């Protein structure tokens, strides 16, 4: 299912489907300086618009973990994935934890001051000890967790099976 332009006849599709989806889509396409693959390649605006965007109305800062900062992708802007700017604009005051496998990428990003507004953690999401370390560092109990990490089924299953690390 796509919520792109023209999805609903006589409208722009996204705005008519939901103000939250439209808000997310607008930020993800041009609200943070450059579009993210969340809407250009993957078309996740429906999911994020329905489940994540409404969290901006909680009346308190959201605590969020994104697995996969994007340090190891050559196409990333400024050494980290553009989703950091998106989450910070979508959820003002967000307590943003970013997990990244690429230790050298994190070191380079830290050296250039790109991690100053977030809480980075390092390691493999497929390693249960690493997950427990992330809980110790962050305190767990996230309002939202986005898995944009390794994209390996075995790693995703480790995260789901050992859900205690997420504060469940």
C-alpha atoms as a PDB file:
ATOM      1  CA  UNK A   1       0.000   0.000   0.000  1.00  0.00           C
ATOM      2  CA  UNK A   2       1.316   3.433  -0.924  1.00  0.00           C
ATOM      3  CA  UNK A   3       0.192   6.821   0.274  1.00  0.00           C
ATOM      4  CA  UNK A   4       1.981   8.778  -2.420  1.00  0.00           C
ATOM      5  CA  UNK A   5       0.486  11.614  -4.429  1.00  0.00           C
ATOM      6  CA  UNK A   6      -2.660  10.592  -6.241  1.00  0.00           C
ATOM      7  CA  UNK A   7      -3.474   7.692  -3.906  1.00  0.00           C
ATOM      8  CA  UNK A   8      -6.820   9.299  -3.207  1.00  0.00           C
ATOM      9  CA  UNK A   9      -8.468  10.736  -6.371  1.00  0.00           C
ATOM     10  CA  UNK A  10      -8.828  14.501  -6.319  1.00  0.00           C
ATOM     11  CA  UNK A  11      -6.283  15.034  -3.527  1.00  0.00           C
ATOM     12  CA  UNK A  12      -2.605  14.877  -2.901  1.00  0.00           C
ATOM     13  CA  UNK A  13      -3.068  11.425  -1.329  1.00  0.00           C
ATOM     14  CA  UNK A  14      -0.763  11.801   1.638  1.00  0.00           C
ATOM     15  CA  UNK A  15      -2.474  14.833   3.188  1.00  0.00           C
ATOM     16  CA  UNK A  16      -5.925  13.341   2.705  1.00  0.00           C
ATOM     17  CA  UNK A  17      -4.911  10.018   4.281  1.00  0.00           C
ATOM     18  CA  UNK A  18      -3.792  11.506   7.590  1.00  0.00           C
ATOM     19  CA  UNK A  19      -2.364  14.795   8.825  1.00  0.00           C
ATOM     20  CA  UNK A  20       0.279  12.790  10.742  1.00  0.00           C
ATOM     21  CA  UNK A  21       1.340  10.892   7.614  1.00  0.00           C
ATOM     22  CA  UNK A  22       1.479  14.164   5.680  1.00  0.00           C
ATOM     23  CA  UNK A  23       3.545  15.788   8.444  1.00  0.00           C
ATOM     24  CA  UNK A  24       6.018  12.918   8.485  1.00  0.00           C
ATOM     25  CA  UNK A  25       6.217  12.776   4.688  1.00  0.00           C
ATOM     26  CA  UNK A  26       6.878  16.509   4.460  1.00  0.00           C
ATOM     27  CA  UNK A  27       9.716  16.358   6.965  1.00  0.00           C
ATOM     28  CA  UNK A  28      11.225  13.218   5.429  1.00  0.00           C
ATOM     29  CA  UNK A  29      11.202  14.582   1.873  1.00  0.00           C
ATOM     30  CA  UNK A  30      12.355  18.154   2.372  1.00  0.00           C
ATOM     31  CA  UNK A  31      12.078  19.220   5.999  1.00  0.00           C
ATOM     32  CA  UNK A  32      15.583  18.252   7.102  1.00  0.00           C
ATOM     33  CA  UNK A  33      17.670  19.492   4.191  1.00  0.00           C
ATOM     34  CA  UNK A  34      17.756  16.252   2.218  1.00  0.00           C
ATOM     35  CA  UNK A  35      15.321  13.380   1.809  1.00  0.00           C
ATOM     36  CA  UNK A  36      15.750  10.169   3.771  1.00  0.00           C
ATOM     37  CA  UNK A  37      15.411   6.686   2.365  1.00  0.00           C
ATOM     38  CA  UNK A  38      12.488   6.249   4.762  1.00  0.00           C
ATOM     39  CA  UNK A  39      10.290   7.701   1.989  1.00  0.00           C
ATOM     40  CA  UNK A  40      12.438   7.705  -1.150  1.00  0.00           C
ATOM     41  CA  UNK A  41      13.392   4.021  -1.298  1.00  0.00           C
ATOM     42  CA  UNK A  42      11.161   2.301   1.221  1.00  0.00           C
ATOM     43  CA  UNK A  43       7.895   4.258   1.396  1.00  0.00           C
ATOM     44  CA  UNK A  44       7.574   3.912   5.174  1.00  0.00           C
ATOM     45  CA  UNK A  45       5.583   7.137   5.539  1.00  0.00           C
ATOM     46  CA  UNK A  46       2.416   5.199   6.296  1.00  0.00           C
ATOM     47  CA  UNK A  47       3.914   3.274   9.225  1.00  0.00           C
ATOM     48  CA  UNK A  48       5.862   6.200  10.650  1.00  0.00           C
ATOM     49  CA  UNK A  49       2.959   8.584  10.111  1.00  0.00           C
ATOM     50  CA  UNK A  50       0.541   6.317  11.957  1.00  0.00           C
ATOM     51  CA  UNK A  51       2.736   4.994  14.770  1.00  0.00           C
ATOM     52  CA  UNK A  52       5.600   7.451  15.315  1.00  0.00           C
ATOM     53  CA  UNK A  53       4.433  10.941  14.333  1.00  0.00           C
ATOM     54  CA  UNK A  54       1.585  11.035  16.909  1.00  0.00           C
ATOM     55  CA  UNK A  55       4.185  10.621  19.675  1.00  0.00           C
ATOM     56  CA  UNK A  56       5.016  14.310  19.189  1.00  0.00           C
ATOM     57  CA  UNK A  57       1.780  15.012  21.064  1.00  0.00           C
ATOM     58  CA  UNK A  58       2.660  13.025  24.214  1.00  0.00           C
ATOM     59  CA  UNK A  59       3.424  16.165  26.180  1.00  0.00           C
ATOM     60  CA  UNK A  60       6.837  14.870  27.214  1.00  0.00           C
ATOM     61  CA  UNK A  61      10.104  13.994  25.471  1.00  0.00           C
ATOM     62  CA  UNK A  62      10.043  10.691  23.601  1.00  0.00           C
ATOM     63  CA  UNK A  63      12.778   8.150  24.308  1.00  0.00           C
ATOM     64  CA  UNK A  64      13.728   6.389  21.091  1.00  0.00           C
ATOM     65  CA  UNK A  65      16.312   3.905  19.857  1.00  0.00           C
ATOM     66  CA  UNK A  66      17.218   3.557  16.209  1.00  0.00           C
ATOM     67  CA  UNK A  67      19.354   0.551  15.357  1.00  0.00           C
ATOM     68  CA  UNK A  68      21.501   1.539  12.390  1.00  0.00           C
ATOM     69  CA  UNK A  69      22.975   5.042  12.466  1.00  0.00           C
ATOM     70  CA  UNK A  70      24.309   4.673   8.931  1.00  0.00           C
ATOM     71  CA  UNK A  71      28.019   5.338   9.518  1.00  0.00           C
ATOM     72  CA  UNK A  72      29.049   2.569   7.142  1.00  0.00           C
ATOM     73  CA  UNK A  73      27.029   3.759   4.144  1.00  0.00           C
ATOM     74  CA  UNK A  74      28.959   5.816   1.630  1.00  0.00           C
ATOM     75  CA  UNK A  75      25.841   7.684   0.558  1.00  0.00           C
ATOM     76  CA  UNK A  76      25.105   9.116   4.009  1.00  0.00           C
ATOM     77  CA  UNK A  77      25.296  12.874   4.480  1.00  0.00           C
ATOM     78  CA  UNK A  78      27.907  14.206   6.897  1.00  0.00           C
ATOM     79  CA  UNK A  79      28.958  10.747   8.087  1.00  0.00           C
ATOM     80  CA  UNK A  80      25.696   9.701   9.747  1.00  0.00           C
ATOM     81  CA  UNK A  81      22.301   8.772   8.408  1.00  0.00           C
ATOM     82  CA  UNK A  82      19.883  11.639   7.725  1.00  0.00           C
ATOM     83  CA  UNK A  83      17.230  10.046   9.911  1.00  0.00           C
ATOM     84  CA  UNK A  84      18.829  11.632  13.017  1.00  0.00           C
ATOM     85  CA  UNK A  85      17.788  15.090  11.817  1.00  0.00           C
ATOM     86  CA  UNK A  86      14.368  13.723  10.880  1.00  0.00           C
ATOM     87  CA  UNK A  87      13.690  12.222  14.334  1.00  0.00           C
ATOM     88  CA  UNK A  88      14.881  15.397  16.061  1.00  0.00           C
ATOM     89  CA  UNK A  89      12.613  17.579  13.954  1.00  0.00           C
ATOM     90  CA  UNK A  90       9.632  15.206  14.145  1.00  0.00           C
ATOM     91  CA  UNK A  91       9.943  14.700  17.908  1.00  0.00           C
ATOM     92  CA  UNK A  92      11.321  17.899  19.492  1.00  0.00           C
ATOM     93  CA  UNK A  93      13.287  17.142  22.646  1.00  0.00           C
ATOM     94  CA  UNK A  94      13.624  13.452  21.739  1.00  0.00           C
ATOM     95  CA  UNK A  95      16.078  11.447  23.835  1.00  0.00           C
ATOM     96  CA  UNK A  96      17.639   9.767  20.824  1.00  0.00           C
ATOM     97  CA  UNK A  97      19.763   6.664  21.182  1.00  0.00           C
ATOM     98  CA  UNK A  98      21.482   5.469  18.010  1.00  0.00           C
ATOM     99  CA  UNK A  99      23.038   2.020  17.756  1.00  0.00           C
ATOM    100  CA  UNK A 100      25.770   1.444  15.192  1.00  0.00           C
ATOM    101  CA  UNK A 101      27.896  -1.576  14.317  1.00  0.00           C
ATOM    102  CA  UNK A 102      30.704   0.411  12.636  1.00  0.00           C
ATOM    103  CA  UNK A 103      33.085   1.398  15.437  1.00  0.00           C
ATOM    104  CA  UNK A 104      35.387   3.413  13.155  1.00  0.00           C
ATOM    105  CA  UNK A 105      32.442   5.291  11.641  1.00  0.00           C
ATOM    106  CA  UNK A 106      31.260   6.236  15.132  1.00  0.00           C
ATOM    107  CA  UNK A 107      34.744   7.426  16.072  1.00  0.00           C
ATOM    108  CA  UNK A 108      34.961   9.590  12.938  1.00  0.00           C
ATOM    109  CA  UNK A 109      31.477  11.023  13.497  1.00  0.00           C
ATOM    110  CA  UNK A 110      32.336  11.775  17.138  1.00  0.00           C
ATOM    111  CA  UNK A 111      35.583  13.469  16.076  1.00  0.00           C
ATOM    112  CA  UNK A 112      33.592  15.796  13.781  1.00  0.00           C
ATOM    113  CA  UNK A 113      31.024  16.601  16.490  1.00  0.00           C
ATOM    114  CA  UNK A 114      28.200  14.787  14.695  1.00  0.00           C
ATOM    115  CA  UNK A 115      27.121  12.826  17.759  1.00  0.00           C
ATOM    116  CA  UNK A 116      26.807  15.716  20.205  1.00  0.00           C
ATOM    117  CA  UNK A 117      22.994  15.776  20.188  1.00  0.00           C
ATOM    118  CA  UNK A 118      22.449  12.001  20.410  1.00  0.00           C
ATOM    119  CA  UNK A 119      23.417   9.054  22.582  1.00  0.00           C
ATOM    120  CA  UNK A 120      25.390   6.563  20.479  1.00  0.00           C
ATOM    121  CA  UNK A 121      25.930   2.935  21.415  1.00  0.00           C
ATOM    122  CA  UNK A 122      28.125   0.537  19.475  1.00  0.00           C
ATOM    123  CA  UNK A 123      27.956  -3.147  18.642  1.00  0.00           C
ATOM    124  CA  UNK A 124      26.062  -5.850  16.816  1.00  0.00           C
ATOM    125  CA  UNK A 125      22.323  -6.158  17.290  1.00  0.00           C
ATOM    126  CA  UNK A 126      22.787  -9.892  16.798  1.00  0.00           C
ATOM    127  CA  UNK A 127      24.756 -10.205  20.026  1.00  0.00           C
ATOM    128  CA  UNK A 128      22.767 -10.663  23.243  1.00  0.00           C
ATOM    129  CA  UNK A 129      25.590  -9.307  25.412  1.00  0.00           C
ATOM    130  CA  UNK A 130      25.683  -6.162  23.292  1.00  0.00           C
ATOM    131  CA  UNK A 131      21.933  -5.735  23.707  1.00  0.00           C
ATOM    132  CA  UNK A 132      22.278  -6.007  27.489  1.00  0.00           C
ATOM    133  CA  UNK A 133      25.077  -3.422  27.395  1.00  0.00           C
ATOM    134  CA  UNK A 134      22.805  -1.060  25.441  1.00  0.00           C
ATOM    135  CA  UNK A 135      20.176  -1.421  28.181  1.00  0.00           C
ATOM    136  CA  UNK A 136      22.731  -0.655  30.886  1.00  0.00           C
ATOM    137  CA  UNK A 137      23.929   2.428  29.022  1.00  0.00           C
ATOM    138  CA  UNK A 138      20.483   3.742  28.094  1.00  0.00           C
ATOM    139  CA  UNK A 139      18.270   2.522  30.912  1.00  0.00           C
ATOM    140  CA  UNK A 140      15.971   0.824  28.356  1.00  0.00           C
ATOM    141  CA  UNK A 141      12.244   1.613  28.468  1.00  0.00           C
ATOM    142  CA  UNK A 142      12.069   3.169  25.004  1.00  0.00           C
ATOM    143  CA  UNK A 143       8.854   4.628  23.665  1.00  0.00           C
ATOM    144  CA  UNK A 144       9.877   3.607  20.141  1.00  0.00           C
ATOM    145  CA  UNK A 145      12.504   1.347  18.610  1.00  0.00           C
ATOM    146  CA  UNK A 146      13.313   1.432  14.910  1.00  0.00           C
ATOM    147  CA  UNK A 147      15.352  -1.436  13.526  1.00  0.00           C
ATOM    148  CA  UNK A 148      17.211  -0.183  10.464  1.00  0.00           C
ATOM    149  CA  UNK A 149      20.350  -2.135  11.297  1.00  0.00           C
ATOM    150  CA  UNK A 150      21.824  -5.199   9.675  1.00  0.00           C
ATOM    151  CA  UNK A 151      18.582  -6.300   7.985  1.00  0.00           C
ATOM    152  CA  UNK A 152      19.583  -9.896   8.792  1.00  0.00           C
ATOM    153  CA  UNK A 153      16.737 -12.097   9.949  1.00  0.00           C
ATOM    154  CA  UNK A 154      18.873 -13.799  12.609  1.00  0.00           C
ATOM    155  CA  UNK A 155      19.800 -10.430  14.145  1.00  0.00           C
ATOM    156  CA  UNK A 156      16.213  -9.225  14.130  1.00  0.00           C
ATOM    157  CA  UNK A 157      15.132 -12.427  15.866  1.00  0.00           C
ATOM    158  CA  UNK A 158      17.743 -11.956  18.612  1.00  0.00           C
ATOM    159  CA  UNK A 159      16.293  -8.509  19.305  1.00  0.00           C
ATOM    160  CA  UNK A 160      12.746  -9.830  19.400  1.00  0.00           C
ATOM    161  CA  UNK A 161      13.511 -12.966  21.413  1.00  0.00           C
ATOM    162  CA  UNK A 162      15.478 -11.087  24.017  1.00  0.00           C
ATOM    163  CA  UNK A 163      12.909  -8.301  24.335  1.00  0.00           C
ATOM    164  CA  UNK A 164      13.910  -7.714  27.956  1.00  0.00           C
ATOM    165  CA  UNK A 165      16.650  -5.407  26.730  1.00  0.00           C
ATOM    166  CA  UNK A 166      13.936  -3.105  25.379  1.00  0.00           C
ATOM    167  CA  UNK A 167      12.294  -2.762  28.792  1.00  0.00           C
ATOM    168  CA  UNK A 168       9.391  -5.104  28.038  1.00  0.00           C
END
